[in-house]
PDB file of N, CA and C in Angstrom:
ATOM      1  N   UNK A   1      13.759 -59.650  30.535  1.00  0.00           N
ATOM      2  CA  UNK A   1      15.146 -59.353  30.850  1.00  0.00           C
ATOM      3  C   UNK A   1      15.195 -58.389  32.039  1.00  0.00           C
ATOM      4  N   UNK A   2      15.832 -58.799  33.120  1.00  0.00           N
ATOM      5  CA  UNK A   2      15.920 -57.896  34.277  1.00  0.00           C
ATOM      6  C   UNK A   2      16.910 -56.759  33.999  1.00  0.00           C
ATOM      7  N   UNK A   3      16.546 -55.587  34.463  1.00  0.00           N
ATOM      8  CA  UNK A   3      17.403 -54.423  34.276  1.00  0.00           C
ATOM      9  C   UNK A   3      18.128 -54.116  35.573  1.00  0.00           C
ATOM     10  N   UNK A   4      19.312 -53.570  35.443  1.00  0.00           N
ATOM     11  CA  UNK A   4      20.103 -53.190  36.598  1.00  0.00           C
ATOM     12  C   UNK A   4      19.792 -51.744  36.976  1.00  0.00           C
ATOM     13  N   UNK A   5      19.467 -51.531  38.239  1.00  0.00           N
ATOM     14  CA  UNK A   5      19.268 -50.179  38.749  1.00  0.00           C
ATOM     15  C   UNK A   5      20.531 -49.809  39.504  1.00  0.00           C
ATOM     16  N   UNK A   6      21.064 -48.658  39.213  1.00  0.00           N
ATOM     17  CA  UNK A   6      22.228 -48.181  39.949  1.00  0.00           C
ATOM     18  C   UNK A   6      21.889 -48.181  41.440  1.00  0.00           C
ATOM     19  N   UNK A   7      22.657 -48.911  42.269  1.00  0.00           N
ATOM     20  CA  UNK A   7      22.342 -48.968  43.705  1.00  0.00           C
ATOM     21  C   UNK A   7      22.301 -47.584  44.361  1.00  0.00           C
ATOM     22  N   UNK A   8      23.198 -46.713  43.968  1.00  0.00           N
ATOM     23  CA  UNK A   8      23.231 -45.359  44.545  1.00  0.00           C
ATOM     24  C   UNK A   8      21.966 -44.583  44.165  1.00  0.00           C
ATOM     25  N   UNK A   9      21.571 -44.688  42.889  1.00  0.00           N
ATOM     26  CA  UNK A   9      20.361 -44.012  42.413  1.00  0.00           C
ATOM     27  C   UNK A   9      19.134 -44.554  43.142  1.00  0.00           C
ATOM     28  N   UNK A  10      19.051 -45.884  43.244  1.00  0.00           N
ATOM     29  CA  UNK A  10      17.933 -46.530  43.935  1.00  0.00           C
ATOM     30  C   UNK A  10      17.835 -46.043  45.376  1.00  0.00           C
ATOM     31  N   UNK A  11      18.970 -46.013  46.067  1.00  0.00           N
ATOM     32  CA  UNK A  11      18.968 -45.590  47.468  1.00  0.00           C
ATOM     33  C   UNK A  11      18.496 -44.148  47.615  1.00  0.00           C
ATOM     34  N   UNK A  12      19.050 -43.247  46.809  1.00  0.00           N
ATOM     35  CA  UNK A  12      18.705 -41.823  46.933  1.00  0.00           C
ATOM     36  C   UNK A  12      17.222 -41.582  46.655  1.00  0.00           C
ATOM     37  N   UNK A  13      16.712 -42.174  45.581  1.00  0.00           N
ATOM     38  CA  UNK A  13      15.311 -41.955  45.211  1.00  0.00           C
ATOM     39  C   UNK A  13      14.358 -42.633  46.202  1.00  0.00           C
ATOM     40  N   UNK A  14      14.652 -43.871  46.570  1.00  0.00           N
ATOM     41  CA  UNK A  14      13.782 -44.600  47.501  1.00  0.00           C
ATOM     42  C   UNK A  14      13.758 -43.940  48.881  1.00  0.00           C
ATOM     43  N   UNK A  15      14.903 -43.480  49.356  1.00  0.00           N
ATOM     44  CA  UNK A  15      14.956 -42.814  50.663  1.00  0.00           C
ATOM     45  C   UNK A  15      14.183 -41.500  50.613  1.00  0.00           C
ATOM     46  N   UNK A  16      14.351 -40.737  49.534  1.00  0.00           N
ATOM     47  CA  UNK A  16      13.627 -39.467  49.407  1.00  0.00           C
ATOM     48  C   UNK A  16      12.113 -39.699  49.431  1.00  0.00           C
ATOM     49  N   UNK A  17      11.653 -40.649  48.645  1.00  0.00           N
ATOM     50  CA  UNK A  17      10.212 -40.936  48.589  1.00  0.00           C
ATOM     51  C   UNK A  17       9.723 -41.426  49.951  1.00  0.00           C
ATOM     52  N   UNK A  18      10.444 -42.356  50.545  1.00  0.00           N
ATOM     53  CA  UNK A  18      10.032 -42.922  51.837  1.00  0.00           C
ATOM     54  C   UNK A  18       9.973 -41.868  52.932  1.00  0.00           C
ATOM     55  N   UNK A  19      10.956 -40.983  52.973  1.00  0.00           N
ATOM     56  CA  UNK A  19      10.977 -39.940  54.009  1.00  0.00           C
ATOM     57  C   UNK A  19       9.759 -39.028  53.913  1.00  0.00           C
ATOM     58  N   UNK A  20       9.249 -38.824  52.711  1.00  0.00           N
ATOM     59  CA  UNK A  20       8.068 -37.975  52.542  1.00  0.00           C
ATOM     60  C   UNK A  20       6.800 -38.638  53.075  1.00  0.00           C
ATOM     61  N   UNK A  21       6.856 -39.931  53.342  1.00  0.00           N
ATOM     62  CA  UNK A  21       5.698 -40.633  53.886  1.00  0.00           C
ATOM     63  C   UNK A  21       5.811 -40.870  55.387  1.00  0.00           C
ATOM     64  N   UNK A  22       6.940 -40.494  55.975  1.00  0.00           N
ATOM     65  CA  UNK A  22       7.134 -40.678  57.416  1.00  0.00           C
ATOM     66  C   UNK A  22       6.807 -39.395  58.157  1.00  0.00           C
ATOM     67  N   UNK A  23       6.236 -39.538  59.324  1.00  0.00           N
ATOM     68  CA  UNK A  23       5.954 -38.381  60.168  1.00  0.00           C
ATOM     69  C   UNK A  23       7.021 -38.340  61.253  1.00  0.00           C
ATOM     70  N   UNK A  24       8.104 -37.632  60.982  1.00  0.00           N
ATOM     71  CA  UNK A  24       9.214 -37.545  61.920  1.00  0.00           C
ATOM     72  C   UNK A  24       9.193 -36.185  62.601  1.00  0.00           C
ATOM     73  N   UNK A  25       8.957 -36.146  63.905  1.00  0.00           N
ATOM     74  CA  UNK A  25       8.896 -34.862  64.606  1.00  0.00           C
ATOM     75  C   UNK A  25      10.218 -34.104  64.497  1.00  0.00           C
ATOM     76  N   UNK A  26      10.103 -32.841  64.117  1.00  0.00           N
ATOM     77  CA  UNK A  26      11.284 -31.988  64.018  1.00  0.00           C
ATOM     78  C   UNK A  26      12.133 -32.197  62.778  1.00  0.00           C
ATOM     79  N   UNK A  27      11.714 -33.075  61.886  1.00  0.00           N
ATOM     80  CA  UNK A  27      12.481 -33.336  60.664  1.00  0.00           C
ATOM     81  C   UNK A  27      11.684 -32.838  59.472  1.00  0.00           C
ATOM     82  N   UNK A  28      12.303 -31.946  58.708  1.00  0.00           N
ATOM     83  CA  UNK A  28      11.649 -31.434  57.493  1.00  0.00           C
ATOM     84  C   UNK A  28      12.324 -32.061  56.281  1.00  0.00           C
ATOM     85  N   UNK A  29      11.541 -32.732  55.494  1.00  0.00           N
ATOM     86  CA  UNK A  29      12.059 -33.411  54.307  1.00  0.00           C
ATOM     87  C   UNK A  29      11.683 -32.595  53.079  1.00  0.00           C
ATOM     88  N   UNK A  30      12.639 -32.346  52.169  1.00  0.00           N
ATOM     89  CA  UNK A  30      12.290 -31.623  50.942  1.00  0.00           C
ATOM     90  C   UNK A  30      11.226 -32.382  50.158  1.00  0.00           C
ATOM     91  N   UNK A  31      10.261 -31.651  49.645  1.00  0.00           N
ATOM     92  CA  UNK A  31       9.185 -32.262  48.871  1.00  0.00           C
ATOM     93  C   UNK A  31       9.651 -32.609  47.456  1.00  0.00           C
ATOM     94  N   UNK A  32      10.595 -31.831  46.943  1.00  0.00           N
ATOM     95  CA  UNK A  32      11.038 -31.984  45.554  1.00  0.00           C
ATOM     96  C   UNK A  32      12.450 -32.560  45.499  1.00  0.00           C
ATOM     97  N   UNK A  33      12.637 -33.512  44.601  1.00  0.00           N
ATOM     98  CA  UNK A  33      13.956 -34.059  44.321  1.00  0.00           C
ATOM     99  C   UNK A  33      14.203 -33.845  42.837  1.00  0.00           C
ATOM    100  N   UNK A  34      15.187 -33.050  42.502  1.00  0.00           N
ATOM    101  CA  UNK A  34      15.526 -32.800  41.102  1.00  0.00           C
ATOM    102  C   UNK A  34      16.629 -33.741  40.656  1.00  0.00           C
ATOM    103  N   UNK A  35      16.434 -34.388  39.534  1.00  0.00           N
ATOM    104  CA  UNK A  35      17.439 -35.290  38.973  1.00  0.00           C
ATOM    105  C   UNK A  35      17.854 -34.706  37.633  1.00  0.00           C
ATOM    106  N   UNK A  36      19.123 -34.452  37.489  1.00  0.00           N
ATOM    107  CA  UNK A  36      19.581 -33.824  36.245  1.00  0.00           C
ATOM    108  C   UNK A  36      20.719 -34.638  35.631  1.00  0.00           C
ATOM    109  N   UNK A  37      20.915 -34.435  34.368  1.00  0.00           N
ATOM    110  CA  UNK A  37      21.979 -35.117  33.647  1.00  0.00           C
ATOM    111  C   UNK A  37      21.793 -34.893  32.162  1.00  0.00           C
ATOM    112  N   UNK A  38      22.760 -35.377  31.410  1.00  0.00           N
ATOM    113  CA  UNK A  38      22.689 -35.208  29.958  1.00  0.00           C
ATOM    114  C   UNK A  38      21.605 -36.105  29.364  1.00  0.00           C
ATOM    115  N   UNK A  39      21.184 -35.727  28.182  1.00  0.00           N
ATOM    116  CA  UNK A  39      20.165 -36.475  27.444  1.00  0.00           C
ATOM    117  C   UNK A  39      20.646 -37.912  27.202  1.00  0.00           C
ATOM    118  N   UNK A  40      19.740 -38.851  27.407  1.00  0.00           N
ATOM    119  CA  UNK A  40      20.047 -40.244  27.111  1.00  0.00           C
ATOM    120  C   UNK A  40      20.779 -40.999  28.202  1.00  0.00           C
ATOM    121  N   UNK A  41      20.926 -40.420  29.381  1.00  0.00           N
ATOM    122  CA  UNK A  41      21.644 -41.100  30.459  1.00  0.00           C
ATOM    123  C   UNK A  41      20.759 -42.076  31.238  1.00  0.00           C
ATOM    124  N   UNK A  42      19.463 -42.084  30.955  1.00  0.00           N
ATOM    125  CA  UNK A  42      18.573 -43.051  31.591  1.00  0.00           C
ATOM    126  C   UNK A  42      17.904 -42.565  32.857  1.00  0.00           C
ATOM    127  N   UNK A  43      17.792 -41.267  33.015  1.00  0.00           N
ATOM    128  CA  UNK A  43      17.170 -40.713  34.233  1.00  0.00           C
ATOM    129  C   UNK A  43      15.722 -41.181  34.366  1.00  0.00           C
ATOM    130  N   UNK A  44      14.949 -41.014  33.322  1.00  0.00           N
ATOM    131  CA  UNK A  44      13.538 -41.407  33.345  1.00  0.00           C
ATOM    132  C   UNK A  44      13.404 -42.917  33.507  1.00  0.00           C
ATOM    133  N   UNK A  45      14.186 -43.661  32.767  1.00  0.00           N
ATOM    134  CA  UNK A  45      14.119 -45.119  32.814  1.00  0.00           C
ATOM    135  C   UNK A  45      14.464 -45.635  34.204  1.00  0.00           C
ATOM    136  N   UNK A  46      15.521 -45.099  34.801  1.00  0.00           N
ATOM    137  CA  UNK A  46      15.911 -45.516  36.153  1.00  0.00           C
ATOM    138  C   UNK A  46      14.814 -45.177  37.169  1.00  0.00           C
ATOM    139  N   UNK A  47      14.203 -43.992  37.013  1.00  0.00           N
ATOM    140  CA  UNK A  47      13.100 -43.620  37.914  1.00  0.00           C
ATOM    141  C   UNK A  47      11.956 -44.611  37.790  1.00  0.00           C
ATOM    142  N   UNK A  48      11.601 -44.963  36.566  1.00  0.00           N
ATOM    143  CA  UNK A  48      10.509 -45.913  36.351  1.00  0.00           C
ATOM    144  C   UNK A  48      10.816 -47.267  36.983  1.00  0.00           C
ATOM    145  N   UNK A  49      12.071 -47.701  36.888  1.00  0.00           N
ATOM    146  CA  UNK A  49      12.463 -48.966  37.508  1.00  0.00           C
ATOM    147  C   UNK A  49      12.359 -48.893  39.031  1.00  0.00           C
ATOM    148  N   UNK A  50      12.747 -47.758  39.609  1.00  0.00           N
ATOM    149  CA  UNK A  50      12.653 -47.585  41.066  1.00  0.00           C
ATOM    150  C   UNK A  50      11.192 -47.587  41.505  1.00  0.00           C
ATOM    151  N   UNK A  51      10.337 -46.853  40.781  1.00  0.00           N
ATOM    152  CA  UNK A  51       8.907 -46.828  41.127  1.00  0.00           C
ATOM    153  C   UNK A  51       8.331 -48.246  41.088  1.00  0.00           C
ATOM    154  N   UNK A  52       8.692 -48.987  40.053  1.00  0.00           N
ATOM    155  CA  UNK A  52       8.205 -50.360  39.910  1.00  0.00           C
ATOM    156  C   UNK A  52       8.697 -51.228  41.071  1.00  0.00           C
ATOM    157  N   UNK A  53       9.958 -51.082  41.414  1.00  0.00           N
ATOM    158  CA  UNK A  53      10.537 -51.857  42.517  1.00  0.00           C
ATOM    159  C   UNK A  53       9.872 -51.511  43.849  1.00  0.00           C
ATOM    160  N   UNK A  54       9.482 -50.230  44.014  1.00  0.00           N
ATOM    161  CA  UNK A  54       8.820 -49.802  45.247  1.00  0.00           C
ATOM    162  C   UNK A  54       7.332 -50.167  45.245  1.00  0.00           C
ATOM    163  N   UNK A  55       6.824 -50.616  44.096  1.00  0.00           N
ATOM    164  CA  UNK A  55       5.454 -51.114  44.025  1.00  0.00           C
ATOM    165  C   UNK A  55       4.377 -50.075  43.818  1.00  0.00           C
ATOM    166  N   UNK A  56       4.695 -48.983  43.137  1.00  0.00           N
ATOM    167  CA  UNK A  56       3.646 -48.011  42.837  1.00  0.00           C
ATOM    168  C   UNK A  56       3.869 -47.375  41.481  1.00  0.00           C
ATOM    169  N   UNK A  57       2.782 -46.836  40.955  1.00  0.00           N
ATOM    170  CA  UNK A  57       2.848 -46.124  39.680  1.00  0.00           C
ATOM    171  C   UNK A  57       2.665 -44.639  39.959  1.00  0.00           C
ATOM    172  N   UNK A  58       3.627 -43.821  39.567  1.00  0.00           N
ATOM    173  CA  UNK A  58       3.517 -42.389  39.845  1.00  0.00           C
ATOM    174  C   UNK A  58       2.500 -41.711  38.934  1.00  0.00           C
ATOM    175  N   UNK A  59       2.064 -40.551  39.349  1.00  0.00           N
ATOM    176  CA  UNK A  59       1.264 -39.688  38.480  1.00  0.00           C
ATOM    177  C   UNK A  59       2.289 -38.863  37.710  1.00  0.00           C
ATOM    178  N   UNK A  60       2.243 -38.932  36.391  1.00  0.00           N
ATOM    179  CA  UNK A  60       3.281 -38.301  35.575  1.00  0.00           C
ATOM    180  C   UNK A  60       2.788 -37.100  34.785  1.00  0.00           C
ATOM    181  N   UNK A  61       3.710 -36.178  34.583  1.00  0.00           N
ATOM    182  CA  UNK A  61       3.498 -35.024  33.706  1.00  0.00           C
ATOM    183  C   UNK A  61       4.736 -34.933  32.830  1.00  0.00           C
ATOM    184  N   UNK A  62       4.534 -34.717  31.558  1.00  0.00           N
ATOM    185  CA  UNK A  62       5.647 -34.466  30.653  1.00  0.00           C
ATOM    186  C   UNK A  62       5.874 -32.963  30.596  1.00  0.00           C
ATOM    187  N   UNK A  63       7.124 -32.553  30.540  1.00  0.00           N
ATOM    188  CA  UNK A  63       7.427 -31.127  30.464  1.00  0.00           C
ATOM    189  C   UNK A  63       6.730 -30.448  29.303  1.00  0.00           C
ATOM    190  N   UNK A  64       6.549 -31.166  28.204  1.00  0.00           N
ATOM    191  CA  UNK A  64       5.860 -30.609  27.045  1.00  0.00           C
ATOM    192  C   UNK A  64       4.409 -30.254  27.332  1.00  0.00           C
ATOM    193  N   UNK A  65       3.788 -30.968  28.278  1.00  0.00           N
ATOM    194  CA  UNK A  65       2.401 -30.664  28.650  1.00  0.00           C
ATOM    195  C   UNK A  65       2.291 -29.309  29.340  1.00  0.00           C
ATOM    196  N   UNK A  66       3.405 -28.816  29.861  1.00  0.00           N
ATOM    197  CA  UNK A  66       3.389 -27.549  30.595  1.00  0.00           C
ATOM    198  C   UNK A  66       3.502 -26.338  29.677  1.00  0.00           C
ATOM    199  N   UNK A  67       3.730 -26.591  28.393  1.00  0.00           N
ATOM    200  CA  UNK A  67       3.802 -25.481  27.442  1.00  0.00           C
ATOM    201  C   UNK A  67       2.385 -25.029  27.110  1.00  0.00           C
ATOM    202  N   UNK A  68       2.139 -23.734  27.265  1.00  0.00           N
ATOM    203  CA  UNK A  68       0.807 -23.210  27.001  1.00  0.00           C
ATOM    204  C   UNK A  68       0.883 -21.711  26.780  1.00  0.00           C
ATOM    205  N   UNK A  69       0.060 -21.187  25.874  1.00  0.00           N
ATOM    206  CA  UNK A  69       0.026 -19.736  25.692  1.00  0.00           C
ATOM    207  C   UNK A  69      -0.674 -19.031  26.857  1.00  0.00           C
ATOM    208  N   UNK A  70      -1.478 -19.777  27.616  1.00  0.00           N
ATOM    209  CA  UNK A  70      -2.186 -19.201  28.761  1.00  0.00           C
ATOM    210  C   UNK A  70      -1.344 -19.363  30.018  1.00  0.00           C
ATOM    211  N   UNK A  71      -1.077 -18.262  30.698  1.00  0.00           N
ATOM    212  CA  UNK A  71      -0.175 -18.253  31.849  1.00  0.00           C
ATOM    213  C   UNK A  71      -0.599 -19.199  32.970  1.00  0.00           C
ATOM    214  N   UNK A  72      -1.878 -19.370  33.206  1.00  0.00           N
ATOM    215  CA  UNK A  72      -2.336 -20.189  34.324  1.00  0.00           C
ATOM    216  C   UNK A  72      -2.418 -21.678  34.059  1.00  0.00           C
ATOM    217  N   UNK A  73      -2.347 -22.085  32.795  1.00  0.00           N
ATOM    218  CA  UNK A  73      -2.539 -23.497  32.460  1.00  0.00           C
ATOM    219  C   UNK A  73      -1.500 -24.438  33.077  1.00  0.00           C
ATOM    220  N   UNK A  74      -0.197 -24.127  33.003  1.00  0.00           N
ATOM    221  CA  UNK A  74       0.778 -25.055  33.586  1.00  0.00           C
ATOM    222  C   UNK A  74       0.568 -25.288  35.083  1.00  0.00           C
ATOM    223  N   UNK A  75       0.336 -24.217  35.838  1.00  0.00           N
ATOM    224  CA  UNK A  75       0.141 -24.394  37.284  1.00  0.00           C
ATOM    225  C   UNK A  75      -1.160 -25.141  37.570  1.00  0.00           C
ATOM    226  N   UNK A  76      -2.167 -24.916  36.754  1.00  0.00           N
ATOM    227  CA  UNK A  76      -3.441 -25.629  36.904  1.00  0.00           C
ATOM    228  C   UNK A  76      -3.234 -27.134  36.687  1.00  0.00           C
ATOM    229  N   UNK A  77      -2.463 -27.477  35.667  1.00  0.00           N
ATOM    230  CA  UNK A  77      -2.194 -28.885  35.373  1.00  0.00           C
ATOM    231  C   UNK A  77      -1.401 -29.532  36.515  1.00  0.00           C
ATOM    232  N   UNK A  78      -0.414 -28.828  37.035  1.00  0.00           N
ATOM    233  CA  UNK A  78       0.374 -29.370  38.146  1.00  0.00           C
ATOM    234  C   UNK A  78      -0.515 -29.597  39.366  1.00  0.00           C
ATOM    235  N   UNK A  79      -1.379 -28.625  39.681  1.00  0.00           N
ATOM    236  CA  UNK A  79      -2.292 -28.784  40.822  1.00  0.00           C
ATOM    237  C   UNK A  79      -3.220 -29.978  40.619  1.00  0.00           C
ATOM    238  N   UNK A  80      -3.739 -30.154  39.403  1.00  0.00           N
ATOM    239  CA  UNK A  80      -4.633 -31.269  39.093  1.00  0.00           C
ATOM    240  C   UNK A  80      -3.926 -32.609  39.306  1.00  0.00           C
ATOM    241  N   UNK A  81      -2.723 -32.725  38.789  1.00  0.00           N
ATOM    242  CA  UNK A  81      -1.974 -33.983  38.923  1.00  0.00           C
ATOM    243  C   UNK A  81      -1.538 -34.215  40.374  1.00  0.00           C
ATOM    244  N   UNK A  82      -1.232 -33.122  41.081  1.00  0.00           N
ATOM    245  CA  UNK A  82      -0.859 -33.232  42.494  1.00  0.00           C
ATOM    246  C   UNK A  82      -2.045 -33.773  43.299  1.00  0.00           C
ATOM    247  N   UNK A  83      -3.230 -33.266  42.998  1.00  0.00           N
ATOM    248  CA  UNK A  83      -4.441 -33.760  43.678  1.00  0.00           C
ATOM    249  C   UNK A  83      -4.693 -35.230  43.352  1.00  0.00           C
ATOM    250  N   UNK A  84      -4.413 -35.593  42.102  1.00  0.00           N
ATOM    251  CA  UNK A  84      -4.568 -36.984  41.676  1.00  0.00           C
ATOM    252  C   UNK A  84      -3.648 -37.895  42.502  1.00  0.00           C
ATOM    253  N   UNK A  85      -2.407 -37.468  42.684  1.00  0.00           N
ATOM    254  CA  UNK A  85      -1.458 -38.241  43.492  1.00  0.00           C
ATOM    255  C   UNK A  85      -1.909 -38.282  44.951  1.00  0.00           C
ATOM    256  N   UNK A  86      -2.403 -37.147  45.460  1.00  0.00           N
ATOM    257  CA  UNK A  86      -2.902 -37.083  46.846  1.00  0.00           C
ATOM    258  C   UNK A  86      -4.056 -38.044  47.067  1.00  0.00           C
ATOM    259  N   UNK A  87      -4.958 -38.098  46.089  1.00  0.00           N
ATOM    260  CA  UNK A  87      -6.110 -38.995  46.192  1.00  0.00           C
ATOM    261  C   UNK A  87      -5.654 -40.443  46.246  1.00  0.00           C
ATOM    262  N   UNK A  88      -4.681 -40.768  45.430  1.00  0.00           N
ATOM    263  CA  UNK A  88      -4.167 -42.138  45.417  1.00  0.00           C
ATOM    264  C   UNK A  88      -3.599 -42.497  46.794  1.00  0.00           C
ATOM    265  N   UNK A  89      -2.988 -41.535  47.457  1.00  0.00           N
ATOM    266  CA  UNK A  89      -2.411 -41.774  48.782  1.00  0.00           C
ATOM    267  C   UNK A  89      -3.497 -41.834  49.853  1.00  0.00           C
ATOM    268  N   UNK A  90      -4.343 -40.806  49.900  1.00  0.00           N
ATOM    269  CA  UNK A  90      -5.324 -40.690  50.992  1.00  0.00           C
ATOM    270  C   UNK A  90      -6.525 -41.611  50.843  1.00  0.00           C
ATOM    271  N   UNK A  91      -7.085 -41.693  49.661  1.00  0.00           N
ATOM    272  CA  UNK A  91      -8.310 -42.475  49.464  1.00  0.00           C
ATOM    273  C   UNK A  91      -8.003 -43.958  49.286  1.00  0.00           C
ATOM    274  N   UNK A  92      -7.045 -44.263  48.442  1.00  0.00           N
ATOM    275  CA  UNK A  92      -6.742 -45.670  48.152  1.00  0.00           C
ATOM    276  C   UNK A  92      -5.701 -46.265  49.096  1.00  0.00           C
ATOM    277  N   UNK A  93      -4.995 -45.401  49.823  1.00  0.00           N
ATOM    278  CA  UNK A  93      -3.962 -45.886  50.741  1.00  0.00           C
ATOM    279  C   UNK A  93      -2.736 -46.436  50.043  1.00  0.00           C
ATOM    280  N   UNK A  94      -2.483 -45.949  48.828  1.00  0.00           N
ATOM    281  CA  UNK A  94      -1.332 -46.418  48.053  1.00  0.00           C
ATOM    282  C   UNK A  94      -0.248 -45.348  48.038  1.00  0.00           C
ATOM    283  N   UNK A  95       0.992 -45.787  47.980  1.00  0.00           N
ATOM    284  CA  UNK A  95       2.097 -44.848  47.849  1.00  0.00           C
ATOM    285  C   UNK A  95       2.061 -44.250  46.445  1.00  0.00           C
ATOM    286  N   UNK A  96       2.433 -43.001  46.326  1.00  0.00           N
ATOM    287  CA  UNK A  96       2.427 -42.341  45.023  1.00  0.00           C
ATOM    288  C   UNK A  96       3.421 -41.189  45.029  1.00  0.00           C
ATOM    289  N   UNK A  97       3.764 -40.727  43.849  1.00  0.00           N
ATOM    290  CA  UNK A  97       4.631 -39.561  43.691  1.00  0.00           C
ATOM    291  C   UNK A  97       4.214 -38.844  42.416  1.00  0.00           C
ATOM    292  N   UNK A  98       4.430 -37.554  42.395  1.00  0.00           N
ATOM    293  CA  UNK A  98       4.204 -36.773  41.181  1.00  0.00           C
ATOM    294  C   UNK A  98       5.537 -36.710  40.456  1.00  0.00           C
ATOM    295  N   UNK A  99       5.581 -37.232  39.243  1.00  0.00           N
ATOM    296  CA  UNK A  99       6.813 -37.317  38.462  1.00  0.00           C
ATOM    297  C   UNK A  99       6.712 -36.368  37.275  1.00  0.00           C
ATOM    298  N   UNK A 100       7.526 -35.319  37.278  1.00  0.00           N
ATOM    299  CA  UNK A 100       7.536 -34.371  36.159  1.00  0.00           C
ATOM    300  C   UNK A 100       8.759 -34.686  35.314  1.00  0.00           C
ATOM    301  N   UNK A 101       8.517 -35.231  34.145  1.00  0.00           N
ATOM    302  CA  UNK A 101       9.588 -35.651  33.252  1.00  0.00           C
ATOM    303  C   UNK A 101       9.952 -34.533  32.281  1.00  0.00           C
ATOM    304  N   UNK A 102      11.230 -34.324  32.080  1.00  0.00           N
ATOM    305  CA  UNK A 102      11.730 -33.293  31.159  1.00  0.00           C
ATOM    306  C   UNK A 102      11.155 -31.921  31.482  1.00  0.00           C
ATOM    307  N   UNK A 103      11.280 -31.519  32.721  1.00  0.00           N
ATOM    308  CA  UNK A 103      10.765 -30.225  33.170  1.00  0.00           C
ATOM    309  C   UNK A 103      11.331 -29.082  32.338  1.00  0.00           C
ATOM    310  N   UNK A 104      12.579 -29.222  31.915  1.00  0.00           N
ATOM    311  CA  UNK A 104      13.202 -28.146  31.135  1.00  0.00           C
ATOM    312  C   UNK A 104      12.463 -27.862  29.832  1.00  0.00           C
ATOM    313  N   UNK A 105      11.765 -28.854  29.287  1.00  0.00           N
ATOM    314  CA  UNK A 105      11.005 -28.638  28.048  1.00  0.00           C
ATOM    315  C   UNK A 105       9.850 -27.671  28.272  1.00  0.00           C
ATOM    316  N   UNK A 106       9.218 -27.751  29.428  1.00  0.00           N
ATOM    317  CA  UNK A 106       8.082 -26.882  29.727  1.00  0.00           C
ATOM    318  C   UNK A 106       8.481 -25.591  30.402  1.00  0.00           C
ATOM    319  N   UNK A 107       9.548 -25.644  31.207  1.00  0.00           N
ATOM    320  CA  UNK A 107       9.973 -24.454  31.950  1.00  0.00           C
ATOM    321  C   UNK A 107      10.864 -23.558  31.107  1.00  0.00           C
ATOM    322  N   UNK A 108      11.475 -24.104  30.094  1.00  0.00           N
ATOM    323  CA  UNK A 108      12.369 -23.319  29.254  1.00  0.00           C
ATOM    324  C   UNK A 108      13.742 -23.188  29.870  1.00  0.00           C
ATOM    325  N   UNK A 109      14.573 -22.430  29.208  1.00  0.00           N
ATOM    326  CA  UNK A 109      15.935 -22.212  29.688  1.00  0.00           C
ATOM    327  C   UNK A 109      16.021 -20.896  30.417  1.00  0.00           C
ATOM    328  N   UNK A 110      16.823 -20.882  31.436  1.00  0.00           N
ATOM    329  CA  UNK A 110      17.013 -19.665  32.213  1.00  0.00           C
ATOM    330  C   UNK A 110      18.450 -19.199  32.042  1.00  0.00           C
ATOM    331  N   UNK A 111      18.609 -18.122  31.308  1.00  0.00           N
ATOM    332  CA  UNK A 111      19.932 -17.528  31.126  1.00  0.00           C
ATOM    333  C   UNK A 111      19.758 -16.030  30.917  1.00  0.00           C
ATOM    334  N   UNK A 112      20.787 -15.362  30.436  1.00  0.00           N
ATOM    335  CA  UNK A 112      20.737 -13.907  30.280  1.00  0.00           C
ATOM    336  C   UNK A 112      19.639 -13.461  29.318  1.00  0.00           C
ATOM    337  N   UNK A 113      19.252 -14.319  28.373  1.00  0.00           N
ATOM    338  CA  UNK A 113      18.239 -13.953  27.391  1.00  0.00           C
ATOM    339  C   UNK A 113      16.810 -14.249  27.826  1.00  0.00           C
ATOM    340  N   UNK A 114      16.635 -14.811  28.999  1.00  0.00           N
ATOM    341  CA  UNK A 114      15.301 -15.169  29.485  1.00  0.00           C
ATOM    342  C   UNK A 114      14.664 -13.999  30.207  1.00  0.00           C
ATOM    343  N   UNK A 115      13.380 -13.781  29.940  1.00  0.00           N
ATOM    344  CA  UNK A 115      12.661 -12.710  30.639  1.00  0.00           C
ATOM    345  C   UNK A 115      11.764 -13.299  31.694  1.00  0.00           C
TER     346      UNK A 115
END
């Protein structure tokens, strides 16, 4: 069964990813694209459909994987996965992206009660 990808979502995500692979003199492209919304709106599913349509499999991290009692573990994991994505691009010549799903689960909430 074919799934419908929101054309606006497809355009924004595909353009962001593509711009990061172009070498445009004098143009700085943000490395990070944050997608937010309420639970169950299909953010992850739509991203997966876009990645599939663009013909690559991202390197993924779940926000829950970033939870750790050791302060350095989350950043170490991100660096490891980032290198994995870099290798896929540089060594294999394939397009790739680092996809952090449910970042709020690992990063926690930031409000007046957060230290």
